[in-house]
């Protein structure tokens, strides 16, 4: 009986086990995971609801080598919605994102565990792999022989959920090389002290990221101010563009659907209609009150200033700030706050058709350990599930 070791019991590893069993029912599988419980990171996705894939799987939402990504996304194993339906999970769509109908991330985790566990599969938790060596006919994993290995222990992001970057070293020792690693899908640390009081504020905005006054990218949606940082899906989607760049700035268009002229006329009308009102009351009809105070502060307008006291230059400055509110960025928040890792095992060292290593026959690599990632919206789980399924099926066939 052939033996397969799967390093990592997360999204990729559990999918790999399921497909390996299908491809080779006689295969003896051992899944190793350093955490006490499997699939912990799955529970943290989609605010606990787990948007596990997306209806829009166009290449613009993914980052990495294009041909490698195209091969993965066009694979028969990329139909993740059907995969989970076969595991008993019904789904529903919300703005293109696909969630389990139960609206519980635990549904996805339990479905994977149910599919992966059988009499020929053993899951060993709280088990750290320190050594994998290639032998003539297979591999030794912590001294135990296996005919094949699937390496899917995740990246460096959010180590509290299981992925601490330790699998990179194992891959390197087996002949693979890494690109540089950066946190992605994370908030950005603000260096402007005047914005410290905005913690908890949410707003719809068009977000533009600049480096050395050059536009790096833009995204629209809800942003959120946290403790000395800014987050939200648009900011998180842009965070991967911050790698080793200087003079980072974000410009927020807080009224993207309104022209400067229309915005000026609206404010002017409010001032004329309520000359004795405090100006923050007029601004509060447009933006969050705390944001309004931040705009007033930068415009040189004191709190409780009456509308009739405002000068035209001040009103023009308010409009300018509402359309282009500049925030200086110190850095991304780091791996502990990041959802995924940008960078990883170079994909030109891995077959996109099988996920088998080109460096060591019988070694398969999948999931976040690879130099591919995606936007918010289920894209990273989609990559994890798809590459895991390809790796598992290919490993099963290889060892048959």
Protein backbone atom coordinates (compact mmCIF):
# COMPACT_ATOMS: atom_id res chain seq x y z
CA UNK A 1 0.00 0.00 0.00
CA UNK A 2 1.43 3.37 -1.10
CA UNK A 3 1.71 6.15 1.50
CA UNK A 4 1.06 9.87 0.97
CA UNK A 5 1.97 12.61 3.46
CA UNK A 6 0.00 15.87 3.34
CA UNK A 7 1.69 18.70 5.25
CA UNK A 8 -1.04 21.10 6.38
CA UNK A 9 -4.69 20.42 7.24
CA UNK A 10 -6.07 23.69 5.95
CA UNK A 11 -8.15 24.46 2.85
CA UNK A 12 -5.63 23.02 0.38
CA UNK A 13 -4.61 20.01 2.45
CA UNK A 14 -8.13 18.77 3.14
CA UNK A 15 -9.11 19.19 -0.52
CA UNK A 16 -5.96 17.32 -1.52
CA UNK A 17 -6.88 14.41 0.75
CA UNK A 18 -10.40 14.19 -0.70
CA UNK A 19 -9.19 14.12 -4.32
CA UNK A 20 -6.29 11.76 -3.60
CA UNK A 21 -8.78 9.25 -2.15
CA UNK A 22 -10.95 9.53 -5.26
CA UNK A 23 -7.99 9.00 -7.60
CA UNK A 24 -6.49 6.15 -5.57
CA UNK A 25 -8.83 4.47 -3.05
CA UNK A 26 -6.04 2.14 -1.88
CA UNK A 27 -3.78 5.03 -0.85
CA UNK A 28 -2.84 5.40 2.82
CA UNK A 29 -2.86 9.11 3.67
CA UNK A 30 -1.47 10.91 6.71
CA UNK A 31 -2.28 14.60 7.15
CA UNK A 32 0.01 16.54 9.49
CA UNK A 33 -0.90 19.89 11.06
CA UNK A 34 0.87 21.93 13.74
CA UNK A 35 -2.39 23.31 15.18
CA UNK A 36 -4.64 21.60 17.71
CA UNK A 37 -7.62 21.79 15.34
CA UNK A 38 -7.75 21.60 11.54
CA UNK A 39 -8.95 24.36 9.22
CA UNK A 40 -8.80 27.18 11.76
CA UNK A 41 -8.07 29.82 9.11
CA UNK A 42 -11.22 28.84 7.20
CA UNK A 43 -13.33 29.91 10.19
CA UNK A 44 -11.91 33.45 10.03
CA UNK A 45 -12.85 34.09 6.40
CA UNK A 46 -15.72 36.26 5.22
CA UNK A 47 -16.37 37.61 8.73
CA UNK A 48 -17.18 34.08 9.85
CA UNK A 49 -19.44 33.38 6.87
CA UNK A 50 -16.71 32.13 4.49
CA UNK A 51 -17.14 33.45 0.96
CA UNK A 52 -15.43 30.40 -0.51
CA UNK A 53 -15.41 31.36 -4.21
CA UNK A 54 -16.72 34.04 -6.58
CA UNK A 55 -18.80 34.12 -9.74
CA UNK A 56 -16.25 36.43 -11.41
CA UNK A 57 -13.07 34.41 -11.79
CA UNK A 58 -11.49 36.68 -14.41
CA UNK A 59 -7.72 37.04 -14.31
CA UNK A 60 -7.89 40.67 -13.13
CA UNK A 61 -8.67 39.43 -9.60
CA UNK A 62 -5.55 37.23 -9.36
CA UNK A 63 -1.83 37.97 -9.09
CA UNK A 64 1.08 35.82 -10.18
CA UNK A 65 2.36 34.33 -13.43
CA UNK A 66 -0.52 34.64 -15.92
CA UNK A 67 -0.11 31.34 -17.77
CA UNK A 68 0.11 29.42 -14.50
CA UNK A 69 -3.06 31.11 -13.22
CA UNK A 70 -4.91 30.58 -16.52
CA UNK A 71 -4.17 26.86 -16.36
CA UNK A 72 -5.45 26.59 -12.77
CA UNK A 73 -8.60 28.64 -13.35
CA UNK A 74 -9.53 26.70 -16.51
CA UNK A 75 -9.02 23.33 -14.79
CA UNK A 76 -11.95 20.98 -14.24
CA UNK A 77 -11.03 21.21 -10.53
CA UNK A 78 -11.83 24.95 -10.53
CA UNK A 79 -15.60 24.36 -10.17
CA UNK A 80 -15.54 24.87 -6.42
CA UNK A 81 -19.26 25.49 -6.10
CA UNK A 82 -20.03 22.02 -7.53
CA UNK A 83 -17.26 20.48 -5.39
CA UNK A 84 -18.92 21.66 -2.19
CA UNK A 85 -22.39 20.76 -3.41
CA UNK A 86 -21.12 17.19 -3.75
CA UNK A 87 -19.99 17.46 -0.12
CA UNK A 88 -23.55 18.46 0.86
CA UNK A 89 -23.08 22.24 1.01
CA UNK A 90 -25.72 24.45 -0.62
CA UNK A 91 -24.61 27.97 -1.47
CA UNK A 92 -25.97 31.40 -2.24
CA UNK A 93 -24.62 34.48 -4.00
CA UNK A 94 -24.20 37.97 -2.61
CA UNK A 95 -22.70 40.58 -4.98
CA UNK A 96 -20.83 37.84 -6.82
CA UNK A 97 -19.43 36.28 -3.65
CA UNK A 98 -20.44 32.68 -2.97
CA UNK A 99 -21.26 31.71 0.64
CA UNK A 100 -22.55 28.52 2.23
CA UNK A 101 -26.31 28.76 2.64
CA UNK A 102 -25.89 28.28 6.39
CA UNK A 103 -23.85 31.54 6.48
CA UNK A 104 -21.36 29.74 8.72
CA UNK A 105 -17.70 29.20 7.88
CA UNK A 106 -17.82 26.09 10.06
CA UNK A 107 -20.04 24.49 7.38
CA UNK A 108 -17.15 24.60 4.91
CA UNK A 109 -14.62 23.30 7.42
CA UNK A 110 -16.83 20.43 8.58
CA UNK A 111 -17.69 19.45 5.01
CA UNK A 112 -13.98 19.19 4.19
CA UNK A 113 -13.24 17.17 7.32
CA UNK A 114 -16.16 14.85 6.59
CA UNK A 115 -14.90 14.33 3.04
CA UNK A 116 -11.27 13.84 4.04
CA UNK A 117 -11.68 11.42 6.94
CA UNK A 118 -11.94 7.68 6.33
CA UNK A 119 -10.34 4.45 7.53
CA UNK A 120 -7.27 4.95 5.34
CA UNK A 121 -6.67 8.59 6.26
CA UNK A 122 -5.11 9.69 9.53
CA UNK A 123 -4.97 13.30 10.73
CA UNK A 124 -2.19 14.11 13.18
CA UNK A 125 -2.61 17.49 14.88
CA UNK A 126 -0.14 19.39 17.06
CA UNK A 127 2.56 17.82 14.91
CA UNK A 128 5.36 19.99 13.54
CA UNK A 129 7.34 18.77 10.52
CA UNK A 130 11.00 19.61 10.97
CA UNK A 131 12.57 17.56 8.22
CA UNK A 132 11.66 16.20 4.76
CA UNK A 133 14.32 14.37 2.79
CA UNK A 134 14.13 13.00 -0.75
CA UNK A 135 15.14 9.37 -1.04
CA UNK A 136 15.48 7.12 -4.07
CA UNK A 137 11.90 5.85 -4.01
CA UNK A 138 10.13 8.55 -2.01
CA UNK A 139 10.61 10.78 1.01
CA UNK A 140 11.25 10.60 4.73
CA UNK A 141 9.09 12.97 6.79
CA UNK A 142 10.49 13.36 10.30
CA UNK A 143 12.16 10.01 9.67
CA UNK A 144 9.02 8.17 8.46
CA UNK A 145 8.94 6.92 4.86
CA UNK A 146 6.27 8.10 2.38
CA UNK A 147 5.98 7.46 -1.35
CA UNK A 148 4.77 10.99 -2.02
CA UNK A 149 4.38 14.34 -0.27
CA UNK A 150 1.96 17.24 -0.73
CA UNK A 151 3.31 20.43 0.82
CA UNK A 152 0.49 22.86 1.64
CA UNK A 153 1.27 24.39 5.02
CA UNK A 154 0.31 27.95 4.03
CA UNK A 155 2.28 31.19 3.90
CA UNK A 156 3.34 33.64 6.61
CA UNK A 157 0.06 35.52 7.04
CA UNK A 158 -1.98 35.21 10.23
CA UNK A 159 0.15 32.63 12.03
CA UNK A 160 -2.40 32.50 14.87
CA UNK A 161 -4.57 30.52 12.43
CA UNK A 162 -1.84 28.04 11.57
CA UNK A 163 0.42 29.29 8.77
CA UNK A 164 3.74 30.49 10.15
CA UNK A 165 5.92 30.28 7.03
CA UNK A 166 7.74 27.13 8.16
CA UNK A 167 6.85 25.26 4.96
CA UNK A 168 8.96 27.63 2.88
CA UNK A 169 12.12 26.25 4.49
CA UNK A 170 10.98 22.69 3.82
CA UNK A 171 10.41 23.55 0.16
CA UNK A 172 13.80 25.25 -0.12
CA UNK A 173 15.54 22.21 1.36
CA UNK A 174 13.90 20.15 -1.40
CA UNK A 175 15.40 22.38 -4.09
CA UNK A 176 12.80 25.10 -4.52
CA UNK A 177 13.38 28.85 -4.56
CA UNK A 178 11.28 31.70 -3.17
CA UNK A 179 10.32 35.14 -4.32
CA UNK A 180 10.30 37.94 -1.73
CA UNK A 181 7.48 37.67 0.80
CA UNK A 182 5.14 40.56 1.69
CA UNK A 183 1.88 40.89 3.65
CA UNK A 184 -1.20 41.27 1.43
CA UNK A 185 -4.89 41.91 2.08
CA UNK A 186 -4.09 43.94 5.18
CA UNK A 187 -4.71 47.41 6.55
CA UNK A 188 -2.26 50.29 6.16
CA UNK A 189 -0.69 52.16 9.07
CA UNK A 190 -1.39 55.92 9.03
CA UNK A 191 1.31 58.42 9.96
CA UNK A 192 -1.05 61.44 10.20
CA UNK A 193 -1.62 62.07 13.91
CA UNK A 194 -4.61 64.34 13.24
CA UNK A 195 -6.58 61.26 12.13
CA UNK A 196 -6.17 59.25 15.37
CA UNK A 197 -9.70 60.18 16.47
CA UNK A 198 -11.26 58.53 13.39
CA UNK A 199 -11.09 55.01 14.86
CA UNK A 200 -14.33 53.16 14.06
CA UNK A 201 -15.40 55.51 11.25
CA UNK A 202 -16.64 53.88 8.05
CA UNK A 203 -17.23 55.61 4.73
CA UNK A 204 -17.82 54.86 1.07
CA UNK A 205 -14.92 56.21 -0.97
CA UNK A 206 -12.81 55.93 -4.10
CA UNK A 207 -9.34 55.02 -2.83
CA UNK A 208 -6.23 55.94 -4.83
CA UNK A 209 -2.80 54.69 -3.76
CA UNK A 210 0.28 56.71 -4.70
CA UNK A 211 3.98 55.97 -4.36
CA UNK A 212 6.41 58.85 -4.98
CA UNK A 213 3.41 60.78 -6.37
CA UNK A 214 2.79 58.09 -9.01
CA UNK A 215 -0.59 56.35 -9.06
CA UNK A 216 -0.16 52.67 -8.13
CA UNK A 217 -3.81 51.62 -8.17
CA UNK A 218 -7.37 52.51 -7.22
CA UNK A 219 -10.37 50.73 -5.71
CA UNK A 220 -13.86 51.80 -4.65
CA UNK A 221 -15.94 50.65 -1.69
CA UNK A 222 -16.27 50.93 2.06
CA UNK A 223 -13.17 51.98 3.99
CA UNK A 224 -12.75 51.77 7.74
CA UNK A 225 -10.48 53.64 10.12
CA UNK A 226 -9.00 51.44 12.83
CA UNK A 227 -6.43 52.14 15.55
CA UNK A 228 -3.88 54.35 13.71
CA UNK A 229 -4.63 52.55 10.47
CA UNK A 230 -7.04 52.43 7.54
CA UNK A 231 -8.64 49.23 6.27
CA UNK A 232 -11.66 47.97 4.35
CA UNK A 233 -11.81 45.91 1.15
CA UNK A 234 -10.52 48.67 -1.22
CA UNK A 235 -7.50 49.35 1.00
CA UNK A 236 -6.80 45.64 1.53
CA UNK A 237 -6.94 44.98 -2.21
CA UNK A 238 -4.36 47.75 -2.75
CA UNK A 239 -2.05 46.70 0.08
CA UNK A 240 -0.07 44.24 -2.07
CA UNK A 241 1.10 47.21 -4.15
CA UNK A 242 2.95 48.70 -1.16
CA UNK A 243 5.90 46.30 -1.20
CA UNK A 244 9.18 48.16 -0.55
CA UNK A 245 7.77 51.39 -1.95
CA UNK A 246 8.48 54.88 -0.66
CA UNK A 247 6.39 57.97 0.05
CA UNK A 248 3.12 56.08 0.18
CA UNK A 249 -0.07 58.13 0.20
CA UNK A 250 -3.75 57.44 -0.14
CA UNK A 251 -6.20 59.93 -1.58
CA UNK A 252 -9.85 59.42 -0.66
CA UNK A 253 -12.65 60.74 -2.80
CA UNK A 254 -15.32 60.79 -0.10
CA UNK A 255 -18.04 61.76 -2.59
CA UNK A 256 -17.10 59.86 -5.77
CA UNK A 257 -20.58 60.11 -7.26
CA UNK A 258 -20.72 63.92 -6.95
CA UNK A 259 -18.75 66.45 -9.01
CA UNK A 260 -16.84 69.26 -7.29
CA UNK A 261 -19.23 71.81 -8.76
CA UNK A 262 -22.34 69.96 -7.53
CA UNK A 263 -20.74 69.50 -4.12
CA UNK A 264 -19.90 73.20 -3.85
CA UNK A 265 -23.46 74.18 -4.84
CA UNK A 266 -24.91 71.77 -2.26
CA UNK A 267 -22.78 73.21 0.54
CA UNK A 268 -23.51 76.77 -0.58
CA UNK A 269 -27.24 76.08 -0.55
CA UNK A 270 -27.00 74.64 2.97
CA UNK A 271 -25.06 77.68 4.20
CA UNK A 272 -27.56 80.09 2.65
CA UNK A 273 -30.54 78.18 4.04
CA UNK A 274 -29.12 77.86 7.57
CA UNK A 275 -26.72 80.78 8.13
CA UNK A 276 -26.88 80.50 11.91
CA UNK A 277 -26.29 76.73 11.98
CA UNK A 278 -22.91 75.30 12.91
CA UNK A 279 -21.05 74.23 9.78
CA UNK A 280 -20.43 70.67 11.06
CA UNK A 281 -24.21 70.12 10.87
CA UNK A 282 -24.10 70.89 7.14
CA UNK A 283 -21.11 68.59 6.62
CA UNK A 284 -22.84 65.84 8.59
CA UNK A 285 -25.37 65.62 5.78
CA UNK A 286 -22.53 64.42 3.54
CA UNK A 287 -19.99 62.49 5.63
CA UNK A 288 -19.56 60.94 9.07
CA UNK A 289 -19.38 63.68 11.73
CA UNK A 290 -15.84 62.70 12.80
CA UNK A 291 -14.70 62.84 9.18
CA UNK A 292 -16.41 66.21 8.89
CA UNK A 293 -14.39 67.52 11.84
CA UNK A 294 -11.19 66.20 10.22
CA UNK A 295 -12.06 68.06 7.01
CA UNK A 296 -12.84 71.23 8.97
CA UNK A 297 -9.58 70.97 10.89
CA UNK A 298 -7.57 70.72 7.68
CA UNK A 299 -9.55 73.60 6.21
CA UNK A 300 -8.79 75.85 9.17
CA UNK A 301 -12.43 75.95 10.28
CA UNK A 302 -12.90 75.85 14.03
CA UNK A 303 -15.55 73.61 15.63
CA UNK A 304 -18.94 75.29 16.19
CA UNK A 305 -18.19 77.89 13.49
CA UNK A 306 -21.39 79.41 12.12
CA UNK A 307 -22.16 78.94 8.45
CA UNK A 308 -22.42 82.69 7.86
CA UNK A 309 -18.84 83.12 9.08
CA UNK A 310 -17.33 80.88 6.38
CA UNK A 311 -15.28 82.46 3.62
CA UNK A 312 -15.37 81.30 -0.02
CA UNK A 313 -11.74 80.14 0.17
CA UNK A 314 -12.59 77.92 3.14
CA UNK A 315 -15.59 76.44 1.33
CA UNK A 316 -13.46 75.70 -1.73
CA UNK A 317 -10.91 73.98 0.52
CA UNK A 318 -13.66 71.83 2.07
CA UNK A 319 -14.81 70.71 -1.38
CA UNK A 320 -11.22 69.96 -2.39
CA UNK A 321 -10.71 67.83 0.72
CA UNK A 322 -13.98 65.95 0.30
CA UNK A 323 -12.85 65.00 -3.21
CA UNK A 324 -9.19 64.42 -2.36
CA UNK A 325 -8.55 63.69 1.33
CA UNK A 326 -4.86 62.84 1.58
CA UNK A 327 -3.53 60.28 4.06
CA UNK A 328 0.17 59.53 4.55
CA UNK A 329 0.91 55.81 4.87
CA UNK A 330 3.72 54.55 7.06
CA UNK A 331 3.60 50.88 6.05
CA UNK A 332 1.32 47.83 5.63
CA UNK A 333 0.20 46.41 8.99
CA UNK A 334 2.29 43.25 8.66
CA UNK A 335 1.91 39.49 8.43
CA UNK A 336 0.01 39.06 11.69
CA UNK A 337 -2.79 41.28 10.35
CA UNK A 338 -2.57 40.12 6.73
CA UNK A 339 -4.99 37.59 5.26
CA UNK A 340 -2.55 36.24 2.67
CA UNK A 341 1.10 36.28 1.66
CA UNK A 342 2.32 37.92 -1.52
CA UNK A 343 5.16 35.82 -2.92
CA UNK A 344 6.19 32.23 -2.33
CA UNK A 345 7.48 29.20 -4.24
CA UNK A 346 8.26 30.22 -7.81
CA UNK A 347 5.53 28.83 -10.03
CA UNK A 348 7.91 28.08 -12.91
CA UNK A 349 9.21 25.28 -10.66
CA UNK A 350 5.75 23.65 -10.42
CA UNK A 351 3.57 22.05 -13.10
CA UNK A 352 0.22 23.91 -13.30
CA UNK A 353 -1.44 20.77 -14.66
CA UNK A 354 -0.49 18.52 -11.72
CA UNK A 355 1.07 20.80 -9.05
CA UNK A 356 4.05 18.40 -9.07
CA UNK A 357 7.44 19.85 -8.34
CA UNK A 358 9.88 20.09 -11.23
CA UNK A 359 12.67 19.75 -8.66
CA UNK A 360 11.63 16.57 -6.86
CA UNK A 361 9.43 13.87 -8.44
CA UNK A 362 6.62 12.86 -6.13
CA UNK A 363 6.51 16.22 -4.35
CA UNK A 364 3.40 18.35 -4.90
CA UNK A 365 2.91 21.97 -3.80
CA UNK A 366 -0.34 23.87 -3.47
CA UNK A 367 -2.16 26.68 -1.68
CA UNK A 368 -0.70 29.86 -0.24
CA UNK A 369 2.85 28.47 -0.31
CA UNK A 370 2.87 29.25 -4.06
CA UNK A 371 3.62 32.68 -5.53
CA UNK A 372 -0.02 33.40 -6.37
CA UNK A 373 -2.76 35.31 -4.55
CA UNK A 374 -6.02 37.12 -5.19
CA UNK A 375 -8.28 39.98 -4.17
CA UNK A 376 -10.80 39.92 -1.34
CA UNK A 377 -13.98 38.10 -2.26
CA UNK A 378 -13.26 34.38 -2.05
CA UNK A 379 -10.42 34.43 -4.56
CA UNK A 380 -7.69 33.16 -2.24
CA UNK A 381 -9.81 30.29 -0.95
CA UNK A 382 -10.65 29.48 -4.56
CA UNK A 383 -6.94 29.20 -5.34
CA UNK A 384 -6.34 27.09 -2.22
CA UNK A 385 -9.21 24.70 -2.98
CA UNK A 386 -8.41 24.40 -6.70
CA UNK A 387 -4.65 23.86 -6.36
CA UNK A 388 -5.28 21.45 -3.49
CA UNK A 389 -7.71 19.41 -5.57
CA UNK A 390 -5.30 19.30 -8.53
CA UNK A 391 -2.40 18.28 -6.28
CA UNK A 392 -4.40 15.60 -4.49
CA UNK A 393 -5.81 14.02 -7.63
CA UNK A 394 -2.41 14.12 -9.36
CA UNK A 395 -0.65 12.60 -6.35
CA UNK A 396 -3.23 9.82 -6.18
CA UNK A 397 -2.74 8.98 -9.85
CA UNK A 398 1.05 9.23 -9.58
CA UNK A 399 1.11 6.73 -6.72
CA UNK A 400 -1.40 4.30 -8.24
